[in-house]
Amino acid sequence: MTDQEVLDAVNVVMAEEIIPALASHGGGATVTKVEQGVVFVELEGGCKGCPGARMTMKNGIETLLKEQVSGVKEVVDDTDHM
């Protein structure tokens, strides 16, 4: 898969599953870029600076994206948590 194909597929999963789940907790997320199968995600709202953000990113977002999009190798937190 090309990075653009990965991005397109990731954006579908984000819109249908991840963003609604985060929104239910007052948060959100945006994919900032995809480079060689690595997806960079910026957390927003209640997720930004949250102590559980790392677990949300790795155990939630990364796990789901890897399961549903074959080209995803890793998800990196691209959020400025300060």
PDB file of N, CA and C in Angstrom:
ATOM      1  N   MET A   1       0.844  -1.193   0.000  1.00  0.00           N
ATOM      2  CA  MET A   1       0.000   0.000   0.000  1.00  0.00           C
ATOM      3  C   MET A   1       0.884   1.250   0.000  1.00  0.00           C
ATOM      4  N   THR A   2       0.452   2.242  -0.743  1.00  0.00           N
ATOM      5  CA  THR A   2       1.146   3.531  -0.698  1.00  0.00           C
ATOM      6  C   THR A   2       0.729   4.281   0.572  1.00  0.00           C
ATOM      7  N   ASP A   3       1.502   5.279   0.946  1.00  0.00           N
ATOM      8  CA  ASP A   3       1.135   6.087   2.107  1.00  0.00           C
ATOM      9  C   ASP A   3      -0.231   6.742   1.910  1.00  0.00           C
ATOM     10  N   GLN A   4      -0.536   7.151   0.691  1.00  0.00           N
ATOM     11  CA  GLN A   4      -1.840   7.775   0.435  1.00  0.00           C
ATOM     12  C   GLN A   4      -2.969   6.760   0.626  1.00  0.00           C
ATOM     13  N   GLU A   5      -2.764   5.529   0.184  1.00  0.00           N
ATOM     14  CA  GLU A   5      -3.777   4.477   0.382  1.00  0.00           C
ATOM     15  C   GLU A   5      -3.967   4.177   1.871  1.00  0.00           C
ATOM     16  N   VAL A   6      -2.853   4.132   2.606  1.00  0.00           N
ATOM     17  CA  VAL A   6      -2.933   3.923   4.052  1.00  0.00           C
ATOM     18  C   VAL A   6      -3.702   5.081   4.691  1.00  0.00           C
ATOM     19  N   LEU A   7      -3.359   6.314   4.325  1.00  0.00           N
ATOM     20  CA  LEU A   7      -4.031   7.493   4.870  1.00  0.00           C
ATOM     21  C   LEU A   7      -5.525   7.452   4.588  1.00  0.00           C
ATOM     22  N   ASP A   8      -5.900   7.133   3.365  1.00  0.00           N
ATOM     23  CA  ASP A   8      -7.321   7.075   3.008  1.00  0.00           C
ATOM     24  C   ASP A   8      -8.057   6.033   3.846  1.00  0.00           C
ATOM     25  N   ALA A   9      -7.470   4.847   3.997  1.00  0.00           N
ATOM     26  CA  ALA A   9      -8.097   3.775   4.773  1.00  0.00           C
ATOM     27  C   ALA A   9      -8.142   4.132   6.260  1.00  0.00           C
ATOM     28  N   VAL A  10      -7.072   4.722   6.765  1.00  0.00           N
ATOM     29  CA  VAL A  10      -7.018   5.128   8.169  1.00  0.00           C
ATOM     30  C   VAL A  10      -8.080   6.182   8.453  1.00  0.00           C
ATOM     31  N   ASN A  11      -8.252   7.138   7.546  1.00  0.00           N
ATOM     32  CA  ASN A  11      -9.242   8.192   7.763  1.00  0.00           C
ATOM     33  C   ASN A  11     -10.660   7.638   7.857  1.00  0.00           C
ATOM     34  N   VAL A  12     -10.949   6.557   7.132  1.00  0.00           N
ATOM     35  CA  VAL A  12     -12.270   5.914   7.226  1.00  0.00           C
ATOM     36  C   VAL A  12     -12.460   5.323   8.617  1.00  0.00           C
ATOM     37  N   VAL A  13     -11.465   4.585   9.100  1.00  0.00           N
ATOM     38  CA  VAL A  13     -11.556   3.979  10.437  1.00  0.00           C
ATOM     39  C   VAL A  13     -11.628   5.067  11.508  1.00  0.00           C
ATOM     40  N   MET A  14     -10.849   6.113  11.335  1.00  0.00           N
ATOM     41  CA  MET A  14     -10.881   7.224  12.291  1.00  0.00           C
ATOM     42  C   MET A  14     -12.295   7.808  12.367  1.00  0.00           C
ATOM     43  N   ALA A  15     -12.887   8.104  11.208  1.00  0.00           N
ATOM     44  CA  ALA A  15     -14.197   8.751  11.163  1.00  0.00           C
ATOM     45  C   ALA A  15     -15.307   7.849  11.695  1.00  0.00           C
ATOM     46  N   GLU A  16     -15.231   6.562  11.387  1.00  0.00           N
ATOM     47  CA  GLU A  16     -16.318   5.650  11.735  1.00  0.00           C
ATOM     48  C   GLU A  16     -16.227   5.104  13.152  1.00  0.00           C
ATOM     49  N   GLU A  17     -15.008   4.920  13.669  1.00  0.00           N
ATOM     50  CA  GLU A  17     -14.868   4.247  14.957  1.00  0.00           C
ATOM     51  C   GLU A  17     -14.101   5.030  16.008  1.00  0.00           C
ATOM     52  N   ILE A  18     -12.941   5.542  15.655  1.00  0.00           N
ATOM     53  CA  ILE A  18     -12.062   6.127  16.676  1.00  0.00           C
ATOM     54  C   ILE A  18     -12.546   7.493  17.141  1.00  0.00           C
ATOM     55  N   ILE A  19     -12.842   8.386  16.211  1.00  0.00           N
ATOM     56  CA  ILE A  19     -13.259   9.740  16.594  1.00  0.00           C
ATOM     57  C   ILE A  19     -14.549   9.721  17.416  1.00  0.00           C
ATOM     58  N   PRO A  20     -15.574   8.938  17.029  1.00  0.00           N
ATOM     59  CA  PRO A  20     -16.775   8.891  17.881  1.00  0.00           C
ATOM     60  C   PRO A  20     -16.485   8.363  19.291  1.00  0.00           C
ATOM     61  N   ALA A  21     -15.596   7.375  19.410  1.00  0.00           N
ATOM     62  CA  ALA A  21     -15.255   6.843  20.731  1.00  0.00           C
ATOM     63  C   ALA A  21     -14.547   7.894  21.577  1.00  0.00           C
ATOM     64  N   LEU A  22     -13.601   8.628  20.975  1.00  0.00           N
ATOM     65  CA  LEU A  22     -12.900   9.678  21.702  1.00  0.00           C
ATOM     66  C   LEU A  22     -13.839  10.827  22.061  1.00  0.00           C
ATOM     67  N   ALA A  23     -14.751  11.156  21.152  1.00  0.00           N
ATOM     68  CA  ALA A  23     -15.694  12.256  21.381  1.00  0.00           C
ATOM     69  C   ALA A  23     -16.592  11.972  22.584  1.00  0.00           C
ATOM     70  N   SER A  24     -16.885  10.705  22.820  1.00  0.00           N
ATOM     71  CA  SER A  24     -17.739  10.353  23.957  1.00  0.00           C
ATOM     72  C   SER A  24     -17.055  10.658  25.289  1.00  0.00           C
ATOM     73  N   HIS A  25     -15.746  10.893  25.256  1.00  0.00           N
ATOM     74  CA  HIS A  25     -14.984  11.248  26.453  1.00  0.00           C
ATOM     75  C   HIS A  25     -14.478  12.689  26.375  1.00  0.00           C
ATOM     76  N   GLY A  26     -15.014  13.464  25.440  1.00  0.00           N
ATOM     77  CA  GLY A  26     -14.634  14.868  25.310  1.00  0.00           C
ATOM     78  C   GLY A  26     -13.338  15.099  24.547  1.00  0.00           C
ATOM     79  N   GLY A  27     -12.894  14.090  23.796  1.00  0.00           N
ATOM     80  CA  GLY A  27     -11.630  14.206  23.069  1.00  0.00           C
ATOM     81  C   GLY A  27     -11.811  14.068  21.574  1.00  0.00           C
ATOM     82  N   GLY A  28     -10.693  14.006  20.890  1.00  0.00           N
ATOM     83  CA  GLY A  28     -10.702  13.837  19.450  1.00  0.00           C
ATOM     84  C   GLY A  28      -9.304  13.521  18.970  1.00  0.00           C
ATOM     85  N   ALA A  29      -9.168  13.303  17.673  1.00  0.00           N
ATOM     86  CA  ALA A  29      -7.866  12.991  17.087  1.00  0.00           C
ATOM     87  C   ALA A  29      -7.879  13.312  15.607  1.00  0.00           C
ATOM     88  N   THR A  30      -6.706  13.683  15.097  1.00  0.00           N
ATOM     89  CA  THR A  30      -6.519  13.967  13.683  1.00  0.00           C
ATOM     90  C   THR A  30      -5.239  13.289  13.213  1.00  0.00           C
ATOM     91  N   VAL A  31      -5.300  12.670  12.051  1.00  0.00           N
ATOM     92  CA  VAL A  31      -4.092  12.108  11.447  1.00  0.00           C
ATOM     93  C   VAL A  31      -3.349  13.267  10.798  1.00  0.00           C
ATOM     94  N   THR A  32      -2.094  13.490  11.215  1.00  0.00           N
ATOM     95  CA  THR A  32      -1.336  14.608  10.668  1.00  0.00           C
ATOM     96  C   THR A  32      -0.538  14.207   9.437  1.00  0.00           C
ATOM     97  N   LYS A  33      -0.101  12.928   9.385  1.00  0.00           N
ATOM     98  CA  LYS A  33       0.623  12.450   8.197  1.00  0.00           C
ATOM     99  C   LYS A  33       0.820  10.947   8.301  1.00  0.00           C
ATOM    100  N   VAL A  34       1.198  10.356   7.160  1.00  0.00           N
ATOM    101  CA  VAL A  34       1.595   8.952   7.092  1.00  0.00           C
ATOM    102  C   VAL A  34       2.909   8.904   6.328  1.00  0.00           C
ATOM    103  N   GLU A  35       3.921   8.272   6.931  1.00  0.00           N
ATOM    104  CA  GLU A  35       5.230   8.133   6.289  1.00  0.00           C
ATOM    105  C   GLU A  35       5.678   6.685   6.390  1.00  0.00           C
ATOM    106  N   GLN A  36       5.777   6.010   5.275  1.00  0.00           N
ATOM    107  CA  GLN A  36       6.237   4.623   5.199  1.00  0.00           C
ATOM    108  C   GLN A  36       5.457   3.719   6.141  1.00  0.00           C
ATOM    109  N   GLY A  37       4.148   3.905   6.174  1.00  0.00           N
ATOM    110  CA  GLY A  37       3.277   3.068   6.995  1.00  0.00           C
ATOM    111  C   GLY A  37       3.182   3.478   8.445  1.00  0.00           C
ATOM    112  N   VAL A  38       3.902   4.517   8.843  1.00  0.00           N
ATOM    113  CA  VAL A  38       3.816   5.039  10.204  1.00  0.00           C
ATOM    114  C   VAL A  38       2.796   6.179  10.207  1.00  0.00           C
ATOM    115  N   VAL A  39       1.778   6.036  11.055  1.00  0.00           N
ATOM    116  CA  VAL A  39       0.683   6.998  11.123  1.00  0.00           C
ATOM    117  C   VAL A  39       0.928   7.940  12.309  1.00  0.00           C
ATOM    118  N   PHE A  40       0.940   9.226  12.032  1.00  0.00           N
ATOM    119  CA  PHE A  40       1.130  10.241  13.066  1.00  0.00           C
ATOM    120  C   PHE A  40      -0.234  10.827  13.422  1.00  0.00           C
ATOM    121  N   VAL A  41      -0.580  10.764  14.709  1.00  0.00           N
ATOM    122  CA  VAL A  41      -1.897  11.192  15.172  1.00  0.00           C
ATOM    123  C   VAL A  41      -1.738  12.260  16.244  1.00  0.00           C
ATOM    124  N   GLU A  42      -2.510  13.328  16.092  1.00  0.00           N
ATOM    125  CA  GLU A  42      -2.540  14.397  17.092  1.00  0.00           C
ATOM    126  C   GLU A  42      -3.847  14.296  17.864  1.00  0.00           C
ATOM    127  N   LEU A  43      -3.737  14.162  19.188  1.00  0.00           N
ATOM    128  CA  LEU A  43      -4.914  14.102  20.038  1.00  0.00           C
ATOM    129  C   LEU A  43      -5.402  15.518  20.309  1.00  0.00           C
ATOM    130  N   GLU A  44      -6.724  15.642  20.529  1.00  0.00           N
ATOM    131  CA  GLU A  44      -7.346  16.948  20.714  1.00  0.00           C
ATOM    132  C   GLU A  44      -8.312  16.912  21.885  1.00  0.00           C
ATOM    133  N   GLY A  45      -8.739  18.087  22.309  1.00  0.00           N
ATOM    134  CA  GLY A  45      -9.754  18.199  23.352  1.00  0.00           C
ATOM    135  C   GLY A  45      -9.309  17.558  24.648  1.00  0.00           C
ATOM    136  N   GLY A  46     -10.198  16.786  25.254  1.00  0.00           N
ATOM    137  CA  GLY A  46      -9.923  16.150  26.534  1.00  0.00           C
ATOM    138  C   GLY A  46      -8.786  15.149  26.483  1.00  0.00           C
ATOM    139  N   CYS A  47      -8.428  14.665  25.297  1.00  0.00           N
ATOM    140  CA  CYS A  47      -7.333  13.699  25.161  1.00  0.00           C
ATOM    141  C   CYS A  47      -5.964  14.380  25.238  1.00  0.00           C
ATOM    142  N   LYS A  48      -5.914  15.647  24.885  1.00  0.00           N
ATOM    143  CA  LYS A  48      -4.641  16.379  24.865  1.00  0.00           C
ATOM    144  C   LYS A  48      -4.183  16.612  26.299  1.00  0.00           C
ATOM    145  N   GLY A  49      -3.040  16.055  26.628  1.00  0.00           N
ATOM    146  CA  GLY A  49      -2.504  16.205  27.971  1.00  0.00           C
ATOM    147  C   GLY A  49      -3.058  15.228  28.992  1.00  0.00           C
ATOM    148  N   CYS A  50      -3.947  14.356  28.575  1.00  0.00           N
ATOM    149  CA  CYS A  50      -4.543  13.375  29.480  1.00  0.00           C
ATOM    150  C   CYS A  50      -3.499  12.347  29.916  1.00  0.00           C
ATOM    151  N   PRO A  51      -3.489  11.967  31.196  1.00  0.00           N
ATOM    152  CA  PRO A  51      -2.538  10.963  31.660  1.00  0.00           C
ATOM    153  C   PRO A  51      -2.697   9.610  30.945  1.00  0.00           C
ATOM    154  N   GLY A  52      -3.881   9.321  30.457  1.00  0.00           N
ATOM    155  CA  GLY A  52      -4.124   8.055  29.764  1.00  0.00           C
ATOM    156  C   GLY A  52      -3.886   8.119  28.271  1.00  0.00           C
ATOM    157  N   ALA A  53      -3.360   9.241  27.775  1.00  0.00           N
ATOM    158  CA  ALA A  53      -3.209   9.427  26.330  1.00  0.00           C
ATOM    159  C   ALA A  53      -2.306   8.375  25.698  1.00  0.00           C
ATOM    160  N   ARG A  54      -1.228   8.028  26.379  1.00  0.00           N
ATOM    161  CA  ARG A  54      -0.298   7.032  25.820  1.00  0.00           C
ATOM    162  C   ARG A  54      -0.984   5.674  25.667  1.00  0.00           C
ATOM    163  N   MET A  55      -1.760   5.292  26.673  1.00  0.00           N
ATOM    164  CA  MET A  55      -2.466   4.018  26.596  1.00  0.00           C
ATOM    165  C   MET A  55      -3.539   4.070  25.511  1.00  0.00           C
ATOM    166  N   THR A  56      -4.234   5.177  25.406  1.00  0.00           N
ATOM    167  CA  THR A  56      -5.242   5.341  24.356  1.00  0.00           C
ATOM    168  C   THR A  56      -4.598   5.193  22.982  1.00  0.00           C
ATOM    169  N   MET A  57      -3.434   5.809  22.810  1.00  0.00           N
ATOM    170  CA  MET A  57      -2.756   5.797  21.519  1.00  0.00           C
ATOM    171  C   MET A  57      -2.299   4.384  21.152  1.00  0.00           C
ATOM    172  N   LYS A  58      -1.610   3.712  22.060  1.00  0.00           N
ATOM    173  CA  LYS A  58      -1.015   2.404  21.747  1.00  0.00           C
ATOM    174  C   LYS A  58      -2.029   1.266  21.838  1.00  0.00           C
ATOM    175  N   ASN A  59      -2.801   1.213  22.925  1.00  0.00           N
ATOM    176  CA  ASN A  59      -3.712   0.085  23.139  1.00  0.00           C
ATOM    177  C   ASN A  59      -5.038   0.245  22.411  1.00  0.00           C
ATOM    178  N   GLY A  60      -5.394   1.482  22.100  1.00  0.00           N
ATOM    179  CA  GLY A  60      -6.661   1.723  21.424  1.00  0.00           C
ATOM    180  C   GLY A  60      -6.488   2.012  19.948  1.00  0.00           C
ATOM    181  N   ILE A  61      -5.974   3.189  19.653  1.00  0.00           N
ATOM    182  CA  ILE A  61      -5.881   3.649  18.265  1.00  0.00           C
ATOM    183  C   ILE A  61      -4.951   2.767  17.446  1.00  0.00           C
ATOM    184  N   GLU A  62      -3.737   2.516  17.924  1.00  0.00           N
ATOM    185  CA  GLU A  62      -2.790   1.716  17.144  1.00  0.00           C
ATOM    186  C   GLU A  62      -3.311   0.295  16.923  1.00  0.00           C
ATOM    187  N   THR A  63      -3.820  -0.333  17.963  1.00  0.00           N
ATOM    188  CA  THR A  63      -4.322  -1.702  17.841  1.00  0.00           C
ATOM    189  C   THR A  63      -5.435  -1.774  16.802  1.00  0.00           C
ATOM    190  N   LEU A  64      -6.377  -0.869  16.871  1.00  0.00           N
ATOM    191  CA  LEU A  64      -7.511  -0.873  15.939  1.00  0.00           C
ATOM    192  C   LEU A  64      -7.054  -0.609  14.505  1.00  0.00           C
ATOM    193  N   LEU A  65      -6.184   0.372  14.315  1.00  0.00           N
ATOM    194  CA  LEU A  65      -5.723   0.681  12.961  1.00  0.00           C
ATOM    195  C   LEU A  65      -4.922  -0.469  12.362  1.00  0.00           C
ATOM    196  N   LYS A  66      -4.068  -1.107  13.164  1.00  0.00           N
ATOM    197  CA  LYS A  66      -3.290  -2.248  12.654  1.00  0.00           C
ATOM    198  C   LYS A  66      -4.201  -3.411  12.267  1.00  0.00           C
ATOM    199  N   GLU A  67      -5.265  -3.624  13.033  1.00  0.00           N
ATOM    200  CA  GLU A  67      -6.212  -4.703  12.738  1.00  0.00           C
ATOM    201  C   GLU A  67      -6.972  -4.444  11.435  1.00  0.00           C
ATOM    202  N   GLN A  68      -7.305  -3.188  11.173  1.00  0.00           N
ATOM    203  CA  GLN A  68      -8.209  -2.877  10.065  1.00  0.00           C
ATOM    204  C   GLN A  68      -7.534  -2.349   8.808  1.00  0.00           C
ATOM    205  N   VAL A  69      -6.287  -1.891   8.916  1.00  0.00           N
ATOM    206  CA  VAL A  69      -5.582  -1.346   7.754  1.00  0.00           C
ATOM    207  C   VAL A  69      -4.236  -2.058   7.646  1.00  0.00           C
ATOM    208  N   SER A  70      -4.097  -2.891   6.625  1.00  0.00           N
ATOM    209  CA  SER A  70      -2.914  -3.750   6.514  1.00  0.00           C
ATOM    210  C   SER A  70      -1.599  -2.989   6.386  1.00  0.00           C
ATOM    211  N   GLY A  71      -1.617  -1.778   5.883  1.00  0.00           N
ATOM    212  CA  GLY A  71      -0.379  -1.032   5.672  1.00  0.00           C
ATOM    213  C   GLY A  71       0.135  -0.282   6.882  1.00  0.00           C
ATOM    214  N   VAL A  72      -0.608  -0.306   8.008  1.00  0.00           N
ATOM    215  CA  VAL A  72      -0.180   0.426   9.201  1.00  0.00           C
ATOM    216  C   VAL A  72       0.875  -0.383   9.948  1.00  0.00           C
ATOM    217  N   LYS A  73       2.051   0.240  10.122  1.00  0.00           N
ATOM    218  CA  LYS A  73       3.150  -0.406  10.857  1.00  0.00           C
ATOM    219  C   LYS A  73       3.196   0.045  12.300  1.00  0.00           C
ATOM    220  N   GLU A  74       2.888   1.311  12.528  1.00  0.00           N
ATOM    221  CA  GLU A  74       2.989   1.896  13.872  1.00  0.00           C
ATOM    222  C   GLU A  74       2.148   3.166  13.905  1.00  0.00           C
ATOM    223  N   VAL A  75       1.715   3.550  15.097  1.00  0.00           N
ATOM    224  CA  VAL A  75       1.047   4.828  15.294  1.00  0.00           C
ATOM    225  C   VAL A  75       1.883   5.629  16.285  1.00  0.00           C
ATOM    226  N   VAL A  76       2.193   6.866  15.912  1.00  0.00           N
ATOM    227  CA  VAL A  76       3.031   7.741  16.728  1.00  0.00           C
ATOM    228  C   VAL A  76       2.192   8.918  17.205  1.00  0.00           C
ATOM    229  N   ASP A  77       2.330   9.229  18.485  1.00  0.00           N
ATOM    230  CA  ASP A  77       1.643  10.385  19.065  1.00  0.00           C
ATOM    231  C   ASP A  77       2.350  11.655  18.605  1.00  0.00           C
ATOM    232  N   ASP A  78       1.654  12.479  17.848  1.00  0.00           N
ATOM    233  CA  ASP A  78       2.195  13.720  17.288  1.00  0.00           C
ATOM    234  C   ASP A  78       1.629  14.931  18.035  1.00  0.00           C
ATOM    235  N   THR A  79       1.178  14.703  19.287  1.00  0.00           N
ATOM    236  CA  THR A  79       0.526  15.752  20.080  1.00  0.00           C
ATOM    237  C   THR A  79       1.531  16.487  20.941  1.00  0.00           C
ATOM    238  N   ASP A  80       1.382  17.788  21.029  1.00  0.00           N
ATOM    239  CA  ASP A  80       2.129  18.582  21.995  1.00  0.00           C
ATOM    240  C   ASP A  80       1.305  18.570  23.289  1.00  0.00           C
ATOM    241  N   HIS A  81       1.694  17.733  24.243  1.00  0.00           N
ATOM    242  CA  HIS A  81       0.907  17.563  25.466  1.00  0.00           C
ATOM    243  C   HIS A  81       1.151  18.642  26.511  1.00  0.00           C
ATOM    244  N   MET A  82       1.917  19.647  26.161  1.00  0.00           N
ATOM    245  CA  MET A  82       2.180  20.732  27.126  1.00  0.00           C
ATOM    246  C   MET A  82       1.086  21.761  27.141  1.00  0.00           C
TER     247      MET A  82
END
